[in-house]
C-alpha atoms as a PDB file:
ATOM      1  CA  MET A   1      12.954  16.174   0.480  1.00  0.00           C
ATOM      2  CA  ALA A   2       9.417  16.718   1.696  1.00  0.00           C
ATOM      3  CA  ALA A   3       7.961  14.437   4.413  1.00  0.00           C
ATOM      4  CA  SER A   4       4.833  12.623   3.164  1.00  0.00           C
ATOM      5  CA  GLU A   5       2.784  13.521   5.831  1.00  0.00           C
ATOM      6  CA  ILE A   6       2.953  15.844   9.006  1.00  0.00           C
ATOM      7  CA  ILE A   7       0.997  14.084  12.155  1.00  0.00           C
ATOM      8  CA  PHE A   8      -0.656  16.907  14.824  1.00  0.00           C
ATOM      9  CA  VAL A   9      -2.135  15.873  18.176  1.00  0.00           C
ATOM     10  CA  VAL A  10      -5.796  17.511  18.469  1.00  0.00           C
ATOM     11  CA  ASP A  11      -7.223  18.492  22.444  1.00  0.00           C
ATOM     12  CA  GLU A  12     -10.051  19.864  23.244  1.00  0.00           C
ATOM     13  CA  SER A  13      -9.440  22.972  24.844  1.00  0.00           C
ATOM     14  CA  PRO A  14     -10.160  23.866  28.614  1.00  0.00           C
ATOM     15  CA  GLU A  15     -11.493  27.668  27.584  1.00  0.00           C
ATOM     16  CA  GLY A  16     -13.441  25.597  24.445  1.00  0.00           C
ATOM     17  CA  GLY A  17     -12.496  25.129  20.901  1.00  0.00           C
ATOM     18  CA  TYR A  18      -9.504  22.792  19.856  1.00  0.00           C
ATOM     19  CA  GLU A  19      -5.583  23.070  20.303  1.00  0.00           C
ATOM     20  CA  ALA A  20      -3.296  21.041  17.689  1.00  0.00           C
ATOM     21  CA  ARG A  21       0.310  20.498  18.220  1.00  0.00           C
ATOM     22  CA  ALA A  22       2.640  19.020  15.201  1.00  0.00           C
ATOM     23  CA  LEU A  23       4.803  15.870  16.133  1.00  0.00           C
ATOM     24  CA  GLY A  24       8.530  16.145  15.331  1.00  0.00           C
ATOM     25  CA  GLN A  25       8.401  19.799  14.427  1.00  0.00           C
ATOM     26  CA  SER A  26       7.430  23.091  16.652  1.00  0.00           C
ATOM     27  CA  ILE A  27       4.090  23.853  14.903  1.00  0.00           C
ATOM     28  CA  TYR A  28       0.746  24.918  17.332  1.00  0.00           C
ATOM     29  CA  THR A  29      -2.064  26.228  16.645  1.00  0.00           C
ATOM     30  CA  GLN A  30      -5.661  26.552  18.203  1.00  0.00           C
ATOM     31  CA  ALA A  31      -9.342  27.233  16.715  1.00  0.00           C
ATOM     32  CA  ASP A  32     -12.756  28.090  18.023  1.00  0.00           C
ATOM     33  CA  THR A  33     -14.181  25.275  15.955  1.00  0.00           C
ATOM     34  CA  PHE A  34     -12.690  21.872  14.387  1.00  0.00           C
ATOM     35  CA  GLU A  35     -13.800  23.281  10.917  1.00  0.00           C
ATOM     36  CA  ALA A  36     -11.747  26.208  11.448  1.00  0.00           C
ATOM     37  CA  LEU A  37      -8.781  24.449  13.208  1.00  0.00           C
ATOM     38  CA  LYS A  38      -8.336  22.503  10.090  1.00  0.00           C
ATOM     39  CA  GLU A  39      -7.687  25.449   8.683  1.00  0.00           C
ATOM     40  CA  MET A  40      -5.565  27.044  10.730  1.00  0.00           C
ATOM     41  CA  VAL A  41      -3.470  23.609  10.711  1.00  0.00           C
ATOM     42  CA  ARG A  42      -3.175  24.099   6.935  1.00  0.00           C
ATOM     43  CA  ASP A  43      -1.939  27.560   7.580  1.00  0.00           C
ATOM     44  CA  ALA A  44       0.716  26.683  10.102  1.00  0.00           C
ATOM     45  CA  VAL A  45       1.757  24.004   8.027  1.00  0.00           C
ATOM     46  CA  ARG A  46       2.322  26.178   5.091  1.00  0.00           C
ATOM     47  CA  CYS A  47       4.119  29.208   6.824  1.00  0.00           C
ATOM     48  CA  HIS A  48       6.340  26.616   8.751  1.00  0.00           C
ATOM     49  CA  PHE A  49       7.907  24.951   5.863  1.00  0.00           C
ATOM     50  CA  GLU A  50       9.459  26.561   2.495  1.00  0.00           C
ATOM     51  CA  ASP A  51       7.958  26.302  -1.138  1.00  0.00           C
ATOM     52  CA  GLY A  52       7.778  23.074  -1.965  1.00  0.00           C
ATOM     53  CA  ALA A  53       9.615  21.467   1.654  1.00  0.00           C
ATOM     54  CA  GLY A  54       6.350  21.161   3.197  1.00  0.00           C
ATOM     55  CA  PRO A  55       4.250  17.185   3.756  1.00  0.00           C
ATOM     56  CA  GLN A  56       1.651  15.863   1.075  1.00  0.00           C
ATOM     57  CA  VAL A  57      -0.883  15.196   3.748  1.00  0.00           C
ATOM     58  CA  ILE A  58      -1.903  16.626   7.212  1.00  0.00           C
ATOM     59  CA  ARG A  59      -2.974  14.096  10.077  1.00  0.00           C
ATOM     60  CA  LEU A  60      -5.305  15.126  13.043  1.00  0.00           C
ATOM     61  CA  HIS A  61      -5.365  12.948  15.748  1.00  0.00           C
ATOM     62  CA  LEU A  62      -8.110  14.006  17.818  1.00  0.00           C
ATOM     63  CA  VAL A  63      -7.857  13.008  21.644  1.00  0.00           C
ATOM     64  CA  GLN A  64     -10.957  13.320  23.652  1.00  0.00           C
ATOM     65  CA  ASP A  65     -11.686  12.339  27.468  1.00  0.00           C
ATOM     66  CA  VAL A  66     -15.284  10.526  27.623  1.00  0.00           C
ATOM     67  CA  VAL A  67     -16.626  10.229  31.190  1.00  0.00           C
ATOM     68  CA  ILE A  68     -19.414   7.723  31.206  1.00  0.00           C
ATOM     69  CA  PRO A  69     -21.828   6.820  34.574  1.00  0.00           C
ATOM     70  CA  ALA A  70     -20.847   2.903  35.368  1.00  0.00           C
END
């Protein structure tokens, strides 16, 4: 039975762009823009799971460090 969703933790890459790692699966991808990352994540999930075994929903959890002056 397919999982209903898969969750990716998305970080801003120190070199620029974004990196995404799946929780509970060995899936990793990266891209220069957030829009491109969404396509790369979809493609990585399709490649990782056999036909019909993939999740119905992909959730991206974006982690950002924001520094503001005190």
